[in-house]
Amino acid sequence: MQQLAPDDSNGVTKCQSYPEARLRSESLGHYFDCLPTMVLLLDDSRRIVFRNQAFITYAREHDLPFTDMGFFTEGLHCPHGIRSSDRCEFAEDCNLCSLHKIADAAYQGASLGQNCRFIATDRETIELRFHATPASVDDVSGHVLVSAQDITVECRNQLLAQLFFHDLLNTAGGLHGMAQLIYSAPDCAAELKDDLCSIAESLVEELHQYRLLLDQDNEKLELLLQPASAAALLHDVTQTYLHHSACLNRHIVIAPSSIDFTFETDLTLMHRILGNLVKNALEACAAGDTIELGARREHGFNLFWCHNPQIIPPSMQRHLFLRSFSTKGAGRGLGTYSVKLLTEHYLGGHVTLQSEAGTGTRFELAFPCAGA
């Protein structure tokens, strides 16, 4: 039943089949081609047997490949699907994606919609909203009709808003903790006034950055690069969270091996990144534990780290930087995702994680030195 057609004039391999050829010759196929929404028809092996023009155009723009089998998951760069000669099954890792839910529901006779996330060829995340429903072709059941909409920009803007409010609450929490300390012990006011002013300035800068993002009406942050002191940055982050409610019965110190150096960065983003690492470490630690912040320059990189004595189970480490993945319940998991996004996507650095029994957990940020 399956037969391949030659590449079209734009280089997209067409995975023709009897249903696709028939649908294109009938009014239903022409109707689907007029829709701006992507439409797919799957057979009982999860193989695409019809694609409308909107889907073909989208596949071309995002360089989504289709092999001879033309499985649904292959065309969307799924790296986990188990492919045999005639079927595409789902592997254990597919539980991280909701695509299998809508397909399974439709094959079992129910309609279901889900938002799904994929990695494109340029390693950027693509967000698609799918809706699948059972369908029949020439009275032959077992087919599934799938519609899809690209909601990448919408989801990315929503995510950035979530990240900003998440980080603003972290900074505001430090400010609130310091204000409470001054209220309960007025004699500390003179000693803490510089730190209080610094935290308040950080809060204002974060709000200003978010306003700029809204004014631009897109997902691009406008960086404000300036010379910064590594030691001063570590001090400011430490003071912000030293009086945070999450720091109760816990300690934050700057590593004795840490060194000071001047580097160019966006201080607001760096404060948010290190602040998220500290906040997560505080929440992961037990009473009496100490969190260590440090910085050094080595092999052409500016390195920053955050260490705590607790460990992250290996089964969780591989998923830790995924959006909304959290060991602390629903609606959490933005902290580590924010660290990776801001470090790698905006500041051009890299995040690594080491977590082993006996040594604890260490997140390290590496940024290339200027001119390196």
Protein backbone atom coordinates (compact mmCIF):
# COMPACT_ATOMS: atom_id res chain seq x y z
CA MET A 1 0.00 0.00 0.00
CA GLN A 2 2.92 2.35 0.74
CA GLN A 3 4.80 3.85 -2.21
CA LEU A 4 7.30 6.69 -2.32
CA ALA A 5 7.09 9.59 -4.73
CA PRO A 6 10.15 11.49 -6.03
CA ASP A 7 11.32 14.60 -4.20
CA ASP A 8 9.23 17.65 -5.00
CA SER A 9 10.76 20.78 -6.48
CA ASN A 10 11.61 22.12 -3.02
CA GLY A 11 13.50 19.05 -1.90
CA VAL A 12 10.82 17.64 0.44
CA THR A 13 10.49 13.88 0.16
CA LYS A 14 6.83 13.03 -0.37
CA CYS A 15 5.66 9.92 1.40
CA GLN A 16 2.78 9.00 -0.93
CA SER A 17 0.28 6.26 -0.29
CA TYR A 18 -3.09 5.16 -1.54
CA PRO A 19 -5.09 7.25 1.01
CA GLU A 20 -3.02 10.37 0.32
CA ALA A 21 -3.37 10.05 -3.44
CA ARG A 22 -7.10 9.47 -3.12
CA LEU A 23 -7.66 12.31 -0.66
CA ARG A 24 -5.77 14.73 -2.92
CA SER A 25 -7.99 13.79 -5.83
CA GLU A 26 -11.14 14.40 -3.84
CA SER A 27 -12.64 17.56 -2.40
CA LEU A 28 -11.68 16.61 1.17
CA GLY A 29 -7.98 16.76 0.35
CA HIS A 30 -8.35 20.12 -1.37
CA TYR A 31 -10.27 21.38 1.67
CA PHE A 32 -7.46 20.33 4.02
CA ASP A 33 -4.91 22.03 1.75
CA CYS A 34 -6.80 25.33 2.11
CA LEU A 35 -6.50 25.28 5.91
CA PRO A 36 -3.68 27.23 7.66
CA THR A 37 -3.63 24.52 10.33
CA MET A 38 -1.40 21.50 9.78
CA VAL A 39 -3.39 18.31 9.18
CA LEU A 40 -2.08 14.75 9.18
CA LEU A 41 -3.71 11.36 8.72
CA LEU A 42 -2.07 8.36 10.41
CA ASP A 43 -2.69 4.70 9.66
CA ASP A 44 -2.87 1.99 12.32
CA SER A 45 0.96 1.81 12.46
CA ARG A 46 1.37 5.52 13.29
CA ARG A 47 2.58 6.13 9.75
CA ILE A 48 1.63 9.39 8.04
CA VAL A 49 -0.49 8.62 4.99
CA PHE A 50 -1.65 12.17 4.25
CA ARG A 51 -0.19 15.64 4.88
CA ASN A 52 -1.82 18.88 3.84
CA GLN A 53 0.16 21.72 2.28
CA ALA A 54 0.46 23.59 5.58
CA PHE A 55 2.26 20.62 7.10
CA ILE A 56 4.53 20.17 4.06
CA THR A 57 5.48 23.87 4.20
CA TYR A 58 6.16 23.67 7.94
CA ALA A 59 8.29 20.55 7.49
CA ARG A 60 10.31 22.32 4.81
CA GLU A 61 10.86 25.46 6.91
CA HIS A 62 12.01 23.46 9.95
CA ASP A 63 13.92 20.82 8.00
CA LEU A 64 11.89 17.97 9.47
CA PRO A 65 13.00 14.77 7.74
CA PHE A 66 10.75 11.90 6.68
CA THR A 67 12.25 8.49 6.09
CA ASP A 68 10.86 5.77 3.85
CA MET A 69 8.60 4.57 6.64
CA GLY A 70 7.16 8.06 7.22
CA PHE A 71 6.39 7.47 10.90
CA PHE A 72 4.75 10.37 12.74
CA THR A 73 7.45 10.57 15.42
CA GLU A 74 10.34 10.43 12.94
CA GLY A 75 9.06 13.48 11.11
CA LEU A 76 9.10 15.43 14.37
CA HIS A 77 12.68 14.52 15.30
CA CYS A 78 11.61 12.12 18.03
CA PRO A 79 14.87 10.49 19.22
CA HIS A 80 13.18 7.82 21.34
CA GLY A 81 10.63 6.02 19.15
CA ILE A 82 11.36 2.31 18.63
CA ARG A 83 11.09 1.72 14.90
CA SER A 84 10.59 -1.67 13.29
CA SER A 85 9.83 -2.46 9.66
CA ASP A 86 6.13 -1.81 10.03
CA ARG A 87 5.42 0.02 13.30
CA CYS A 88 6.62 2.81 15.58
CA GLU A 89 6.26 1.92 19.23
CA PHE A 90 6.97 4.11 22.24
CA ALA A 91 10.02 3.78 24.45
CA GLU A 92 10.27 4.48 28.17
CA ASP A 93 11.60 7.99 27.56
CA CYS A 94 8.44 8.86 25.63
CA ASN A 95 6.69 9.29 28.98
CA LEU A 96 8.40 12.70 29.06
CA CYS A 97 6.34 13.75 26.02
CA SER A 98 2.57 13.97 25.77
CA LEU A 99 2.45 13.04 22.07
CA HIS A 100 1.96 9.35 22.87
CA LYS A 101 -1.10 10.23 24.98
CA ILE A 102 -3.06 11.79 22.15
CA ALA A 103 -2.10 9.04 19.71
CA ASP A 104 -3.03 6.24 22.09
CA ALA A 105 -6.30 7.92 23.05
CA ALA A 106 -7.30 8.36 19.41
CA TYR A 107 -6.43 4.77 18.51
CA GLN A 108 -8.63 3.70 21.42
CA GLY A 109 -11.54 5.77 20.11
CA ALA A 110 -11.28 9.06 22.04
CA SER A 111 -10.36 12.59 20.97
CA LEU A 112 -7.62 14.37 22.91
CA GLY A 113 -5.58 17.56 22.66
CA GLN A 114 -2.12 18.14 24.11
CA ASN A 115 0.77 20.57 23.85
CA CYS A 116 3.97 18.80 22.82
CA ARG A 117 7.60 19.88 22.80
CA PHE A 118 10.23 18.81 20.25
CA ILE A 119 13.84 19.62 19.39
CA ALA A 120 14.38 21.00 15.89
CA THR A 121 17.53 20.48 13.82
CA ASP A 122 19.01 23.74 15.14
CA ARG A 123 18.51 22.46 18.71
CA GLU A 124 15.79 25.04 19.31
CA THR A 125 12.63 23.87 21.01
CA ILE A 126 9.46 23.69 18.91
CA GLU A 127 6.09 23.86 20.68
CA LEU A 128 3.15 22.29 18.88
CA ARG A 129 -0.47 22.01 19.98
CA PHE A 130 -1.88 18.71 18.73
CA HIS A 131 -5.42 17.39 18.61
CA ALA A 132 -6.05 13.80 17.58
CA THR A 133 -9.33 12.11 16.80
CA PRO A 134 -10.30 8.69 15.43
CA ALA A 135 -10.97 8.58 11.69
CA SER A 136 -11.84 6.13 8.95
CA VAL A 137 -10.90 6.06 5.27
CA ASP A 138 -13.35 4.37 2.88
CA ASP A 139 -15.11 2.91 5.91
CA VAL A 140 -11.81 1.40 7.10
CA SER A 141 -11.31 2.29 10.77
CA GLY A 142 -8.03 2.46 12.66
CA HIS A 143 -6.87 5.78 11.25
CA VAL A 144 -6.20 8.92 13.28
CA LEU A 145 -6.69 12.51 12.11
CA VAL A 146 -4.24 14.94 13.72
CA SER A 147 -4.26 18.74 13.60
CA ALA A 148 -1.28 20.80 14.77
CA GLN A 149 -0.52 24.45 15.47
CA ASP A 150 2.87 26.01 16.14
CA ILE A 151 2.62 27.83 19.49
CA THR A 152 6.38 28.21 20.06
CA VAL A 153 6.43 32.00 20.44
CA GLU A 154 3.32 32.03 22.60
CA CYS A 155 4.71 29.38 24.96
CA ARG A 156 8.16 30.97 25.07
CA ASN A 157 6.73 34.35 26.06
CA GLN A 158 4.59 32.72 28.73
CA LEU A 159 7.63 30.86 30.01
CA LEU A 160 9.77 34.00 30.18
CA ALA A 161 7.01 35.72 32.15
CA GLN A 162 6.92 32.77 34.56
CA LEU A 163 10.70 32.86 34.93
CA PHE A 164 10.71 36.58 35.64
CA PHE A 165 8.05 36.31 38.34
CA HIS A 166 9.79 33.26 39.79
CA ASP A 167 13.09 35.15 40.04
CA LEU A 168 11.42 38.35 41.25
CA LEU A 169 9.86 36.40 44.12
CA ASN A 170 13.30 35.03 45.01
CA THR A 171 14.78 38.53 45.19
CA ALA A 172 11.73 39.94 46.97
CA GLY A 173 11.98 37.10 49.48
CA GLY A 174 15.52 38.17 50.37
CA LEU A 175 14.42 41.79 50.68
CA HIS A 176 11.51 40.78 52.92
CA GLY A 177 13.77 38.68 55.13
CA MET A 178 16.21 41.55 55.62
CA ALA A 179 13.36 43.98 56.38
CA GLN A 180 12.03 41.58 59.02
CA LEU A 181 15.49 41.36 60.59
CA ILE A 182 15.77 45.15 60.78
CA TYR A 183 12.26 45.36 62.25
CA SER A 184 13.04 42.81 64.96
CA ALA A 185 16.55 44.15 65.64
CA PRO A 186 16.67 47.89 64.78
CA ASP A 187 20.32 48.09 65.88
CA CYS A 188 21.23 46.08 62.75
CA ALA A 189 19.85 48.73 60.37
CA ALA A 190 23.11 50.66 59.98
CA GLU A 191 25.09 47.48 59.38
CA LEU A 192 22.65 46.16 56.78
CA LYS A 193 21.78 49.36 54.94
CA ASP A 194 24.26 48.78 52.08
CA ASP A 195 23.03 45.22 51.51
CA LEU A 196 19.41 46.36 51.75
CA CYS A 197 20.04 49.01 49.12
CA SER A 198 21.81 46.49 46.87
CA ILE A 199 18.90 44.00 47.00
CA ALA A 200 16.38 46.76 46.32
CA GLU A 201 18.43 47.87 43.28
CA SER A 202 18.50 44.28 42.00
CA LEU A 203 14.72 44.12 42.28
CA VAL A 204 14.33 47.37 40.36
CA GLU A 205 16.72 46.17 37.63
CA GLU A 206 14.82 42.90 37.23
CA LEU A 207 11.54 44.80 36.87
CA HIS A 208 13.14 47.17 34.36
CA GLN A 209 14.44 44.24 32.32
CA TYR A 210 11.01 42.63 32.27
CA ARG A 211 9.41 45.90 31.12
CA LEU A 212 11.89 46.08 28.24
CA LEU A 213 11.00 42.54 27.28
CA LEU A 214 7.29 43.39 27.19
CA ASP A 215 7.97 46.55 25.16
CA GLN A 216 9.89 44.51 22.57
CA ASP A 217 6.93 42.10 22.30
CA ASN A 218 9.20 39.10 21.64
CA GLU A 219 11.33 36.58 23.50
CA LYS A 220 14.66 38.42 23.19
CA LEU A 221 16.19 39.94 26.29
CA GLU A 222 18.19 43.12 25.87
CA LEU A 223 21.53 42.55 27.60
CA LEU A 224 23.25 45.32 29.51
CA LEU A 225 26.90 44.25 29.48
CA GLN A 226 29.22 45.97 31.94
CA PRO A 227 32.43 45.26 33.89
CA ALA A 228 31.73 43.37 37.10
CA SER A 229 33.65 42.06 40.08
CA ALA A 230 33.26 38.33 40.75
CA ALA A 231 33.77 38.85 44.49
CA ALA A 232 31.17 41.62 44.64
CA LEU A 233 28.67 39.49 42.74
CA LEU A 234 29.13 36.56 45.12
CA HIS A 235 28.75 38.87 48.11
CA ASP A 236 25.52 40.39 46.78
CA VAL A 237 23.96 37.00 46.03
CA THR A 238 25.01 35.67 49.43
CA GLN A 239 23.51 38.65 51.25
CA THR A 240 20.27 38.39 49.27
CA TYR A 241 19.64 34.83 50.43
CA LEU A 242 21.32 34.94 53.82
CA HIS A 243 18.14 36.39 55.32
CA HIS A 244 15.70 34.56 53.04
CA SER A 245 13.13 32.33 54.76
CA ALA A 246 14.59 29.31 52.91
CA CYS A 247 17.91 29.92 54.69
CA LEU A 248 16.51 29.17 58.16
CA ASN A 249 18.99 26.91 60.02
CA ARG A 250 21.20 26.78 56.94
CA HIS A 251 24.40 28.63 56.01
CA ILE A 252 25.81 30.29 52.89
CA VAL A 253 29.55 30.92 52.57
CA ILE A 254 31.94 32.07 49.87
CA ALA A 255 34.52 29.37 49.17
CA PRO A 256 38.00 30.07 50.58
CA SER A 257 39.46 29.01 47.21
CA SER A 258 37.39 31.62 45.39
CA ILE A 259 39.28 34.46 43.70
CA ASP A 260 38.21 37.89 42.53
CA PHE A 261 38.47 38.99 38.92
CA THR A 262 36.81 41.51 36.64
CA PHE A 263 34.64 40.25 33.80
CA GLU A 264 31.98 41.61 31.47
CA THR A 265 28.43 40.40 31.92
CA ASP A 266 24.81 41.37 32.48
CA LEU A 267 24.80 41.66 36.26
CA THR A 268 21.02 41.34 36.57
CA LEU A 269 21.01 38.02 34.72
CA MET A 270 24.06 36.73 36.62
CA HIS A 271 22.38 37.60 39.92
CA ARG A 272 19.27 35.72 38.82
CA ILE A 273 21.27 32.68 37.72
CA LEU A 274 23.34 32.37 40.90
CA GLY A 275 20.31 33.23 43.00
CA ASN A 276 18.37 30.34 41.52
CA LEU A 277 21.24 27.96 42.26
CA VAL A 278 21.42 29.15 45.86
CA LYS A 279 17.64 29.01 46.37
CA ASN A 280 17.45 25.47 44.98
CA ALA A 281 20.39 24.42 47.14
CA LEU A 282 18.74 25.87 50.25
CA GLU A 283 15.54 23.96 49.54
CA ALA A 284 17.45 20.73 48.93
CA CYS A 285 19.61 20.99 52.06
CA ALA A 286 18.93 19.73 55.56
CA ALA A 287 19.07 21.85 58.70
CA GLY A 288 22.68 22.71 59.56
CA ASP A 289 23.97 22.27 55.99
CA THR A 290 26.25 24.81 54.34
CA ILE A 291 25.98 26.06 50.76
CA GLU A 292 29.19 27.23 49.12
CA LEU A 293 29.50 29.81 46.35
CA GLY A 294 32.74 30.36 44.50
CA ALA A 295 34.44 31.83 41.45
CA ARG A 296 37.75 31.36 39.66
CA ARG A 297 39.37 31.91 36.26
CA GLU A 298 40.85 28.86 34.56
CA HIS A 299 41.86 27.76 31.03
CA GLY A 300 40.27 30.78 29.39
CA PHE A 301 36.96 30.53 31.27
CA ASN A 302 35.31 32.46 34.08
CA LEU A 303 33.91 29.79 36.38
CA PHE A 304 31.23 30.11 39.06
CA TRP A 305 29.93 27.30 41.21
CA CYS A 306 27.37 26.49 43.88
CA HIS A 307 27.89 23.43 46.09
CA ASN A 308 25.75 21.73 48.70
CA PRO A 309 26.31 18.45 50.61
CA GLN A 310 23.11 16.71 49.44
CA ILE A 311 22.91 14.51 46.33
CA ILE A 312 20.47 14.31 43.42
CA PRO A 313 19.49 10.73 42.50
CA PRO A 314 20.93 9.67 39.12
CA SER A 315 17.42 8.96 37.81
CA MET A 316 16.55 12.64 38.30
CA GLN A 317 19.80 14.21 37.10
CA ARG A 318 19.14 13.55 33.41
CA HIS A 319 15.81 15.41 33.56
CA LEU A 320 16.81 18.20 35.94
CA PHE A 321 17.15 20.98 33.35
CA LEU A 322 13.87 20.15 31.62
CA ARG A 323 11.17 22.78 31.86
CA SER A 324 8.88 22.31 34.87
CA PHE A 325 10.71 19.17 36.04
CA SER A 326 10.84 19.26 39.81
CA THR A 327 11.23 16.95 42.78
CA LYS A 328 9.13 19.38 44.83
CA GLY A 329 5.71 18.93 43.22
CA ALA A 330 3.56 20.39 40.46
CA GLY A 331 4.11 23.96 39.34
CA ARG A 332 7.78 23.93 40.31
CA GLY A 333 10.99 23.22 38.39
CA LEU A 334 11.56 26.67 36.89
CA GLY A 335 14.77 27.38 38.81
CA THR A 336 17.15 24.94 37.11
CA TYR A 337 15.51 25.52 33.71
CA SER A 338 16.00 29.27 34.22
CA VAL A 339 19.68 28.69 35.04
CA LYS A 340 20.26 26.74 31.83
CA LEU A 341 18.22 29.11 29.63
CA LEU A 342 19.81 32.34 30.90
CA THR A 343 23.34 30.91 31.04
CA GLU A 344 23.45 29.16 27.66
CA HIS A 345 20.89 30.96 25.50
CA TYR A 346 21.55 34.55 26.58
CA LEU A 347 25.01 34.78 28.17
CA GLY A 348 26.80 32.23 25.98
CA GLY A 349 27.99 30.06 28.85
CA HIS A 350 27.58 26.41 29.80
CA VAL A 351 26.12 24.65 32.84
CA THR A 352 27.42 21.36 34.24
CA LEU A 353 26.20 19.26 37.15
CA GLN A 354 28.09 16.80 39.36
CA SER A 355 26.25 14.99 42.14
CA GLU A 356 27.74 11.99 43.91
CA ALA A 357 27.54 10.43 47.35
CA GLY A 358 30.35 11.66 49.55
CA THR A 359 30.98 14.84 47.55
CA GLY A 360 27.51 16.38 47.31
CA THR A 361 26.06 18.42 44.45
CA ARG A 362 27.95 21.03 42.46
CA PHE A 363 26.54 23.20 39.71
CA GLU A 364 29.23 24.99 37.69
CA LEU A 365 28.84 27.81 35.17
CA ALA A 366 31.56 28.39 32.57
CA PHE A 367 31.78 31.60 30.51
CA PRO A 368 34.52 32.17 27.92
CA CYS A 369 36.89 34.99 28.90
CA ALA A 370 36.87 38.00 26.61
CA GLY A 371 39.33 37.43 23.75
CA ALA A 372 39.83 33.76 24.67
